[in-house]
């Protein structure tokens, strides 16, 4: 039988290409490594300075958002895990806005009261109640009302026309 030539398959072509690339990488690896080291050493101080400048901004933002992040992560934990946590790790309950408004209102009221007491008496005369002596009769209407019309009004009748 005559010898047949073996056909090259796709797999054989890929393996040959892979071997060629591998040989090129092995040959050029020290040169590429030296180039990368040089680039990293020249750019490292610049990157370090940029990271430092942005670090402070990020830290401030993180400090402000940390309590809400802590609370949201705590809520996601299973109940058996939250029971085992120490009291210091549990998030503090937020004060309600109503309590804040009430406290501000009480402080404002106390300040107003203190101001009014410290101000003392003003130039306006104080209220004086009418005399309630032996001569004053508060049960009967004053001298301007007519006794007959007062009795009619008390009985629910309509008043007469003004004369």
N, C-alpha and C. Protein backbone atom coordinates (compact mmCIF):
# COMPACT_ATOMS: atom_id res chain seq x y z
N UNK A 1 0.82 -1.16 0.00
CA UNK A 1 0.00 0.00 0.00
C UNK A 1 0.88 1.24 0.00
N UNK A 2 0.42 2.18 -0.74
CA UNK A 2 1.20 3.39 -0.76
C UNK A 2 0.98 4.20 0.53
N UNK A 3 1.96 4.93 0.92
CA UNK A 3 1.83 5.76 2.12
C UNK A 3 1.00 7.00 1.81
N UNK A 4 0.06 7.20 2.66
CA UNK A 4 -0.79 8.38 2.49
C UNK A 4 -0.23 9.54 3.31
N UNK A 5 -0.42 10.68 2.75
CA UNK A 5 0.00 11.86 3.47
C UNK A 5 -1.04 12.22 4.53
N UNK A 6 -0.59 12.50 5.68
CA UNK A 6 -1.50 12.84 6.77
C UNK A 6 -1.99 14.28 6.59
N UNK A 7 -3.29 14.47 6.66
CA UNK A 7 -3.86 15.83 6.52
C UNK A 7 -3.67 16.60 7.82
N UNK A 8 -3.43 17.89 7.65
CA UNK A 8 -3.33 18.75 8.84
C UNK A 8 -4.73 19.16 9.27
N UNK A 9 -5.01 18.95 10.50
CA UNK A 9 -6.31 19.35 11.04
C UNK A 9 -6.20 20.76 11.62
N UNK A 10 -7.33 21.28 11.99
CA UNK A 10 -7.37 22.61 12.59
C UNK A 10 -6.65 22.58 13.94
N UNK A 11 -6.80 21.48 14.64
CA UNK A 11 -6.14 21.36 15.93
C UNK A 11 -4.62 21.42 15.77
N UNK A 12 -4.11 20.77 14.78
CA UNK A 12 -2.67 20.79 14.53
C UNK A 12 -2.19 22.21 14.21
N UNK A 13 -2.96 22.92 13.42
CA UNK A 13 -2.59 24.30 13.07
C UNK A 13 -2.57 25.19 14.32
N UNK A 14 -3.57 25.03 15.18
CA UNK A 14 -3.64 25.84 16.41
C UNK A 14 -2.46 25.50 17.31
N UNK A 15 -2.14 24.22 17.44
CA UNK A 15 -1.02 23.83 18.29
C UNK A 15 0.30 24.40 17.76
N UNK A 16 0.48 24.41 16.45
CA UNK A 16 1.69 24.98 15.86
C UNK A 16 1.78 26.48 16.13
N UNK A 17 0.66 27.17 15.99
CA UNK A 17 0.62 28.60 16.24
C UNK A 17 0.92 28.89 17.71
N UNK A 18 0.36 28.07 18.59
CA UNK A 18 0.58 28.23 20.02
C UNK A 18 2.06 28.04 20.35
N UNK A 19 2.67 27.05 19.79
CA UNK A 19 4.10 26.79 20.04
C UNK A 19 4.97 27.96 19.54
N UNK A 20 4.61 28.52 18.40
CA UNK A 20 5.36 29.66 17.87
C UNK A 20 5.25 30.88 18.80
N UNK A 21 4.03 31.16 19.26
CA UNK A 21 3.82 32.29 20.18
C UNK A 21 4.56 32.07 21.49
N UNK A 22 4.53 30.87 21.96
CA UNK A 22 5.20 30.54 23.21
C UNK A 22 6.72 30.76 23.08
N UNK A 23 7.27 30.40 21.99
CA UNK A 23 8.70 30.60 21.76
C UNK A 23 9.03 32.09 21.69
N UNK A 24 8.16 32.89 21.05
CA UNK A 24 8.39 34.33 20.96
C UNK A 24 8.33 34.99 22.34
N UNK A 25 7.36 34.56 23.16
CA UNK A 25 7.22 35.13 24.50
C UNK A 25 8.43 34.76 25.34
N UNK A 26 8.88 33.53 25.26
CA UNK A 26 10.05 33.11 26.03
C UNK A 26 11.28 33.91 25.62
N UNK A 27 11.38 34.21 24.34
CA UNK A 27 12.54 34.95 23.83
C UNK A 27 12.49 36.42 24.25
N UNK A 28 11.28 37.05 24.23
CA UNK A 28 11.14 38.48 24.49
C UNK A 28 10.75 38.81 25.93
N UNK A 29 10.54 37.83 26.79
CA UNK A 29 10.07 38.08 28.16
C UNK A 29 11.01 38.96 28.96
N UNK A 30 12.31 38.76 28.98
CA UNK A 30 13.17 39.65 29.77
C UNK A 30 13.12 41.09 29.30
N UNK A 31 13.02 41.32 28.02
CA UNK A 31 12.97 42.68 27.49
C UNK A 31 11.66 43.36 27.92
N UNK A 32 10.55 42.62 27.78
CA UNK A 32 9.24 43.18 28.17
C UNK A 32 9.20 43.44 29.68
N UNK A 33 9.77 42.52 30.48
CA UNK A 33 9.78 42.71 31.93
C UNK A 33 10.53 43.99 32.29
N UNK A 34 11.65 44.23 31.69
CA UNK A 34 12.43 45.43 31.97
C UNK A 34 11.67 46.70 31.58
N UNK A 35 10.95 46.66 30.47
CA UNK A 35 10.15 47.82 30.05
C UNK A 35 9.04 48.11 31.05
N UNK A 36 8.37 47.06 31.51
CA UNK A 36 7.28 47.25 32.47
C UNK A 36 7.82 47.79 33.79
N UNK A 37 8.94 47.28 34.24
CA UNK A 37 9.54 47.77 35.49
C UNK A 37 9.90 49.24 35.36
N UNK A 38 10.46 49.63 34.26
CA UNK A 38 10.82 51.04 34.04
C UNK A 38 9.59 51.94 34.06
N UNK A 39 8.52 51.51 33.39
CA UNK A 39 7.30 52.32 33.36
C UNK A 39 6.69 52.45 34.74
N UNK A 40 6.69 51.35 35.50
CA UNK A 40 6.09 51.39 36.84
C UNK A 40 6.90 52.31 37.75
N UNK A 41 8.20 52.22 37.69
CA UNK A 41 9.01 53.06 38.58
C UNK A 41 8.91 54.54 38.22
N UNK A 42 8.71 54.87 36.97
CA UNK A 42 8.59 56.29 36.61
C UNK A 42 7.21 56.85 36.94
N UNK A 43 6.18 56.04 36.85
CA UNK A 43 4.81 56.53 37.08
C UNK A 43 4.33 56.32 38.50
N UNK A 44 5.01 55.55 39.31
CA UNK A 44 4.56 55.25 40.67
C UNK A 44 4.43 56.49 41.54
N UNK A 45 5.37 57.43 41.57
CA UNK A 45 5.20 58.62 42.41
C UNK A 45 4.00 59.47 42.00
N UNK A 46 3.76 59.58 40.72
CA UNK A 46 2.62 60.38 40.24
C UNK A 46 1.31 59.74 40.69
N UNK A 47 1.22 58.44 40.53
CA UNK A 47 -0.01 57.72 40.94
C UNK A 47 -0.18 57.80 42.44
N UNK A 48 0.92 57.67 43.19
CA UNK A 48 0.84 57.75 44.65
C UNK A 48 0.30 59.10 45.09
N UNK A 49 0.76 60.18 44.48
CA UNK A 49 0.29 61.52 44.84
C UNK A 49 -1.19 61.70 44.51
N UNK A 50 -1.62 61.17 43.38
CA UNK A 50 -3.04 61.25 43.01
C UNK A 50 -3.90 60.49 44.00
N UNK A 51 -3.44 59.32 44.40
CA UNK A 51 -4.21 58.50 45.35
C UNK A 51 -4.28 59.21 46.70
N UNK A 52 -3.20 59.81 47.15
CA UNK A 52 -3.20 60.53 48.42
C UNK A 52 -4.18 61.69 48.40
N UNK A 53 -4.22 62.42 47.30
CA UNK A 53 -5.11 63.59 47.23
C UNK A 53 -6.58 63.17 47.25
N UNK A 54 -6.87 62.07 46.61
CA UNK A 54 -8.27 61.62 46.58
C UNK A 54 -8.65 60.82 47.81
N UNK A 55 -7.68 60.36 48.56
CA UNK A 55 -7.94 59.55 49.74
C UNK A 55 -8.66 60.35 50.82
N UNK A 56 -8.26 61.60 51.02
CA UNK A 56 -8.88 62.41 52.06
C UNK A 56 -10.35 62.69 51.73
N UNK A 57 -10.65 62.97 50.48
CA UNK A 57 -12.04 63.21 50.07
C UNK A 57 -12.88 61.97 50.30
N UNK A 58 -12.35 60.83 49.91
CA UNK A 58 -13.09 59.58 50.07
C UNK A 58 -13.27 59.22 51.54
N UNK A 59 -12.27 59.50 52.36
CA UNK A 59 -12.37 59.19 53.79
C UNK A 59 -13.45 60.04 54.45
N UNK A 60 -13.53 61.31 54.09
CA UNK A 60 -14.56 62.18 54.66
C UNK A 60 -15.95 61.70 54.26
N UNK A 61 -16.11 61.35 53.01
CA UNK A 61 -17.41 60.84 52.55
C UNK A 61 -17.76 59.53 53.24
N UNK A 62 -16.79 58.68 53.42
CA UNK A 62 -17.02 57.40 54.08
C UNK A 62 -17.41 57.60 55.53
N UNK A 63 -16.78 58.56 56.21
CA UNK A 63 -17.14 58.82 57.60
C UNK A 63 -18.58 59.29 57.73
N UNK A 64 -19.04 60.09 56.78
CA UNK A 64 -20.42 60.57 56.86
C UNK A 64 -21.42 59.47 56.52
N UNK A 65 -21.06 58.56 55.62
CA UNK A 65 -21.99 57.51 55.21
C UNK A 65 -21.88 56.25 56.04
N UNK A 66 -20.88 56.14 56.90
CA UNK A 66 -20.63 54.91 57.64
C UNK A 66 -21.80 54.49 58.53
N UNK A 67 -22.44 55.39 59.29
CA UNK A 67 -23.56 54.93 60.13
C UNK A 67 -24.71 54.32 59.33
N UNK A 68 -25.07 54.93 58.21
CA UNK A 68 -26.18 54.37 57.43
C UNK A 68 -25.77 53.06 56.77
N UNK A 69 -24.50 52.94 56.35
CA UNK A 69 -24.03 51.66 55.80
C UNK A 69 -24.05 50.58 56.87
N UNK A 70 -23.62 50.95 58.06
CA UNK A 70 -23.60 49.99 59.17
C UNK A 70 -25.02 49.50 59.46
N UNK A 71 -25.97 50.42 59.51
CA UNK A 71 -27.35 50.05 59.82
C UNK A 71 -27.93 49.15 58.73
N UNK A 72 -27.66 49.47 57.46
CA UNK A 72 -28.22 48.65 56.38
C UNK A 72 -27.60 47.26 56.36
N UNK A 73 -26.31 47.18 56.64
CA UNK A 73 -25.68 45.85 56.69
C UNK A 73 -26.17 45.06 57.89
N UNK A 74 -26.41 45.72 59.00
CA UNK A 74 -26.90 45.04 60.19
C UNK A 74 -28.30 44.47 59.96
N UNK A 75 -29.12 45.20 59.21
CA UNK A 75 -30.48 44.71 58.93
C UNK A 75 -30.46 43.46 58.06
N UNK A 76 -29.44 43.29 57.23
CA UNK A 76 -29.37 42.14 56.34
C UNK A 76 -28.92 40.86 57.05
N UNK A 77 -28.35 41.00 58.23
CA UNK A 77 -27.86 39.82 58.94
C UNK A 77 -29.03 38.95 59.42
N UNK A 78 -28.85 37.65 59.47
CA UNK A 78 -29.90 36.79 60.02
C UNK A 78 -30.08 37.04 61.52
N UNK A 79 -31.24 36.69 62.04
CA UNK A 79 -31.56 36.97 63.43
C UNK A 79 -30.62 36.25 64.40
N UNK A 80 -30.26 35.01 64.09
CA UNK A 80 -29.39 34.28 65.02
C UNK A 80 -28.00 34.91 65.09
N UNK A 81 -27.57 35.56 64.03
CA UNK A 81 -26.27 36.24 64.04
C UNK A 81 -26.36 37.54 64.83
N UNK A 82 -27.43 38.29 64.64
CA UNK A 82 -27.57 39.56 65.36
C UNK A 82 -27.73 39.34 66.85
N UNK A 83 -28.29 38.22 67.26
CA UNK A 83 -28.43 37.94 68.69
C UNK A 83 -27.07 37.71 69.34
N UNK A 84 -26.12 37.18 68.60
CA UNK A 84 -24.80 36.87 69.15
C UNK A 84 -23.86 38.08 69.13
N UNK A 85 -24.22 39.14 68.45
CA UNK A 85 -23.35 40.31 68.38
C UNK A 85 -23.36 41.07 69.70
N UNK A 86 -22.24 41.70 70.06
CA UNK A 86 -22.24 42.51 71.29
C UNK A 86 -23.07 43.77 71.10
N UNK A 87 -23.43 44.38 72.20
CA UNK A 87 -24.28 45.58 72.14
C UNK A 87 -23.60 46.73 71.42
N UNK A 88 -22.29 46.82 71.50
CA UNK A 88 -21.58 47.91 70.84
C UNK A 88 -21.63 47.83 69.33
N UNK A 89 -21.84 46.62 68.78
CA UNK A 89 -21.87 46.45 67.33
C UNK A 89 -23.24 46.75 66.75
N UNK A 90 -24.26 46.76 67.59
CA UNK A 90 -25.62 47.03 67.10
C UNK A 90 -25.76 48.51 66.80
N UNK A 91 -26.44 48.86 65.71
CA UNK A 91 -26.58 50.28 65.36
C UNK A 91 -27.50 51.00 66.35
N UNK A 92 -27.18 52.26 66.58
CA UNK A 92 -28.01 53.06 67.46
C UNK A 92 -29.25 53.50 66.72
N UNK A 93 -30.36 53.50 67.44
CA UNK A 93 -31.61 53.93 66.81
C UNK A 93 -31.56 55.43 66.58
N UNK A 94 -32.09 55.83 65.45
CA UNK A 94 -32.11 57.25 65.10
C UNK A 94 -33.21 57.94 65.90
N UNK A 95 -32.93 59.16 66.30
CA UNK A 95 -33.95 59.96 66.96
C UNK A 95 -34.96 60.42 65.93
N UNK A 96 -36.20 60.37 66.32
CA UNK A 96 -37.22 60.77 65.36
C UNK A 96 -37.21 62.29 65.18
N UNK A 97 -37.71 62.72 64.06
CA UNK A 97 -37.75 64.15 63.76
C UNK A 97 -38.72 64.86 64.71
N UNK A 98 -39.76 64.15 65.13
CA UNK A 98 -40.72 64.75 66.04
C UNK A 98 -40.05 65.10 67.36
N UNK A 99 -39.18 64.23 67.85
CA UNK A 99 -38.48 64.51 69.09
C UNK A 99 -37.58 65.72 68.92
N UNK A 100 -36.92 65.83 67.78
CA UNK A 100 -36.05 66.97 67.54
C UNK A 100 -36.85 68.27 67.54
N UNK A 101 -38.00 68.26 66.88
CA UNK A 101 -38.84 69.45 66.81
C UNK A 101 -39.36 69.80 68.20
N UNK A 102 -39.74 68.78 68.99
CA UNK A 102 -40.24 69.03 70.34
C UNK A 102 -39.15 69.64 71.21
N UNK A 103 -37.95 69.14 71.10
CA UNK A 103 -36.85 69.67 71.91
C UNK A 103 -36.57 71.12 71.52
N UNK A 104 -36.54 71.41 70.23
CA UNK A 104 -36.31 72.79 69.79
C UNK A 104 -37.44 73.70 70.26
N UNK A 105 -38.67 73.19 70.20
CA UNK A 105 -39.82 73.98 70.68
C UNK A 105 -39.73 74.26 72.16
N UNK A 106 -39.34 73.26 72.95
CA UNK A 106 -39.21 73.47 74.39
C UNK A 106 -38.10 74.47 74.71
N UNK A 107 -37.01 74.39 73.98
CA UNK A 107 -35.92 75.34 74.21
C UNK A 107 -36.37 76.75 73.85
N UNK A 108 -37.10 76.89 72.75
CA UNK A 108 -37.60 78.21 72.35
C UNK A 108 -38.59 78.75 73.38
N UNK A 109 -39.47 77.89 73.89
CA UNK A 109 -40.44 78.32 74.89
C UNK A 109 -39.74 78.74 76.18
N UNK A 110 -38.74 77.97 76.60
CA UNK A 110 -38.01 78.32 77.82
C UNK A 110 -37.27 79.64 77.61
N UNK A 111 -36.70 79.83 76.45
CA UNK A 111 -36.01 81.09 76.17
C UNK A 111 -36.96 82.27 76.18
N UNK A 112 -38.15 82.10 75.61
CA UNK A 112 -39.15 83.17 75.62
C UNK A 112 -39.63 83.50 77.02
N UNK A 113 -39.82 82.46 77.82
CA UNK A 113 -40.26 82.68 79.20
C UNK A 113 -39.19 83.42 79.99
N UNK A 114 -37.94 83.00 79.83
CA UNK A 114 -36.84 83.66 80.54
C UNK A 114 -36.71 85.10 80.08
N UNK A 115 -36.86 85.36 78.79
CA UNK A 115 -36.78 86.72 78.27
C UNK A 115 -37.88 87.59 78.86
N UNK A 116 -39.08 87.05 78.92
CA UNK A 116 -40.20 87.85 79.44
C UNK A 116 -40.01 88.15 80.93
N UNK A 117 -39.43 87.20 81.68
CA UNK A 117 -39.21 87.44 83.11
C UNK A 117 -38.07 88.43 83.34
N UNK A 118 -37.04 88.33 82.51
CA UNK A 118 -35.91 89.23 82.68
C UNK A 118 -36.22 90.64 82.20
N UNK A 119 -37.11 90.76 81.26
CA UNK A 119 -37.46 92.08 80.73
C UNK A 119 -38.15 92.90 81.80
N UNK A 120 -38.90 92.25 82.65
CA UNK A 120 -39.56 92.98 83.73
C UNK A 120 -40.87 93.58 83.26
N UNK A 121 -41.34 94.58 84.02
CA UNK A 121 -42.61 95.21 83.68
C UNK A 121 -42.40 96.17 82.52
N UNK A 122 -43.39 96.22 81.67
CA UNK A 122 -43.30 97.10 80.51
C UNK A 122 -44.00 98.42 80.83
N UNK A 123 -43.99 99.37 79.89
CA UNK A 123 -44.60 100.67 80.12
C UNK A 123 -46.13 100.60 80.05
N UNK A 124 -46.69 99.54 79.49
CA UNK A 124 -48.15 99.40 79.41
C UNK A 124 -48.68 99.01 80.78
N UNK A 125 -49.84 99.58 81.16
CA UNK A 125 -50.39 99.24 82.48
C UNK A 125 -50.87 97.79 82.50
N UNK A 126 -50.76 97.18 83.64
CA UNK A 126 -51.20 95.80 83.81
C UNK A 126 -52.73 95.77 83.90
N UNK A 127 -53.33 94.67 83.68
CA UNK A 127 -54.78 94.51 83.74
C UNK A 127 -55.24 94.61 85.19
N UNK A 128 -56.30 95.42 85.41
CA UNK A 128 -56.89 95.52 86.74
C UNK A 128 -58.34 95.08 86.64
N UNK A 129 -58.74 94.12 87.41
CA UNK A 129 -60.13 93.64 87.33
C UNK A 129 -61.09 94.71 87.86
N UNK A 130 -62.35 94.66 87.42
CA UNK A 130 -63.33 95.64 87.91
C UNK A 130 -63.58 95.43 89.40
N UNK A 131 -64.01 96.49 90.05
CA UNK A 131 -64.22 96.35 91.51
C UNK A 131 -65.37 95.38 91.80
N UNK A 132 -65.16 94.54 92.76
CA UNK A 132 -66.22 93.59 93.15
C UNK A 132 -66.53 93.83 94.62
N UNK A 133 -66.99 95.02 94.90
CA UNK A 133 -67.29 95.38 96.28
C UNK A 133 -68.77 95.16 96.59
N UNK A 134 -69.23 95.74 97.70
CA UNK A 134 -70.61 95.57 98.14
C UNK A 134 -71.58 96.33 97.26
N UNK A 135 -71.18 97.40 96.63
CA UNK A 135 -72.09 98.22 95.85
C UNK A 135 -72.28 97.73 94.42
N UNK A 136 -71.47 96.85 93.92
CA UNK A 136 -71.57 96.43 92.52
C UNK A 136 -72.39 95.17 92.43
N UNK A 137 -73.38 95.16 91.51
CA UNK A 137 -74.24 93.98 91.31
C UNK A 137 -73.94 93.44 89.91
N UNK A 138 -73.27 92.32 89.84
CA UNK A 138 -72.89 91.78 88.54
C UNK A 138 -73.95 90.90 87.95
N UNK A 139 -75.01 90.57 88.69
CA UNK A 139 -76.05 89.70 88.16
C UNK A 139 -77.03 90.46 87.30
N UNK A 140 -77.24 91.75 87.53
CA UNK A 140 -78.20 92.54 86.77
C UNK A 140 -77.46 93.29 85.66
N UNK A 141 -78.12 93.48 84.54
CA UNK A 141 -77.48 94.22 83.46
C UNK A 141 -77.26 95.68 83.85
N UNK A 142 -76.37 96.33 83.15
CA UNK A 142 -76.03 97.71 83.44
C UNK A 142 -77.17 98.66 83.13
N UNK A 143 -77.02 99.95 83.37
CA UNK A 143 -78.09 100.93 83.21
C UNK A 143 -78.44 101.21 81.75
N UNK A 144 -77.66 100.70 80.78
CA UNK A 144 -77.97 101.00 79.39
C UNK A 144 -79.05 100.07 78.84
N UNK A 145 -79.26 98.92 79.43
CA UNK A 145 -80.26 97.99 78.91
C UNK A 145 -81.62 98.31 79.51
N UNK A 146 -82.64 98.15 78.70
CA UNK A 146 -84.01 98.37 79.15
C UNK A 146 -84.49 97.06 79.77
N UNK A 147 -85.07 97.08 80.97
CA UNK A 147 -85.44 95.83 81.65
C UNK A 147 -86.45 94.98 80.88
N UNK A 148 -87.42 95.60 80.18
CA UNK A 148 -88.43 94.82 79.47
C UNK A 148 -87.80 94.05 78.29
N UNK A 149 -86.92 94.71 77.57
CA UNK A 149 -86.28 94.04 76.43
C UNK A 149 -85.35 92.92 76.87
N UNK A 150 -84.74 93.11 78.02
CA UNK A 150 -83.85 92.07 78.54
C UNK A 150 -84.68 90.84 78.89
N UNK A 151 -85.84 91.04 79.49
CA UNK A 151 -86.70 89.90 79.85
C UNK A 151 -87.20 89.20 78.60
N UNK A 152 -87.56 89.95 77.53
CA UNK A 152 -88.01 89.34 76.28
C UNK A 152 -86.90 88.53 75.64
N UNK A 153 -85.70 89.09 75.65
CA UNK A 153 -84.57 88.35 75.07
C UNK A 153 -84.29 87.07 75.85
N UNK A 154 -84.46 87.13 77.16
CA UNK A 154 -84.23 85.95 77.99
C UNK A 154 -85.27 84.87 77.70
N UNK A 155 -86.52 85.27 77.36
CA UNK A 155 -87.59 84.32 77.06
C UNK A 155 -87.49 83.80 75.63
N UNK A 156 -86.67 84.38 74.78
CA UNK A 156 -86.49 83.92 73.41
C UNK A 156 -87.35 84.68 72.42
N UNK A 157 -88.05 85.74 72.82
CA UNK A 157 -88.87 86.53 71.91
C UNK A 157 -87.99 87.48 71.12
N UNK A 158 -88.48 87.91 69.96
CA UNK A 158 -87.74 88.83 69.13
C UNK A 158 -87.82 90.22 69.73
N UNK A 159 -86.75 90.99 69.68
CA UNK A 159 -86.79 92.35 70.25
C UNK A 159 -87.66 93.26 69.39
N UNK A 160 -88.22 94.26 70.03
CA UNK A 160 -89.02 95.26 69.31
C UNK A 160 -88.11 96.15 68.49
N UNK A 161 -88.70 96.81 67.54
CA UNK A 161 -87.94 97.71 66.69
C UNK A 161 -87.41 98.87 67.53
N UNK A 162 -86.32 99.40 67.17
CA UNK A 162 -85.72 100.50 67.90
C UNK A 162 -86.57 101.75 67.69
N UNK A 163 -86.87 102.43 68.76
CA UNK A 163 -87.74 103.60 68.70
C UNK A 163 -86.97 104.83 68.42
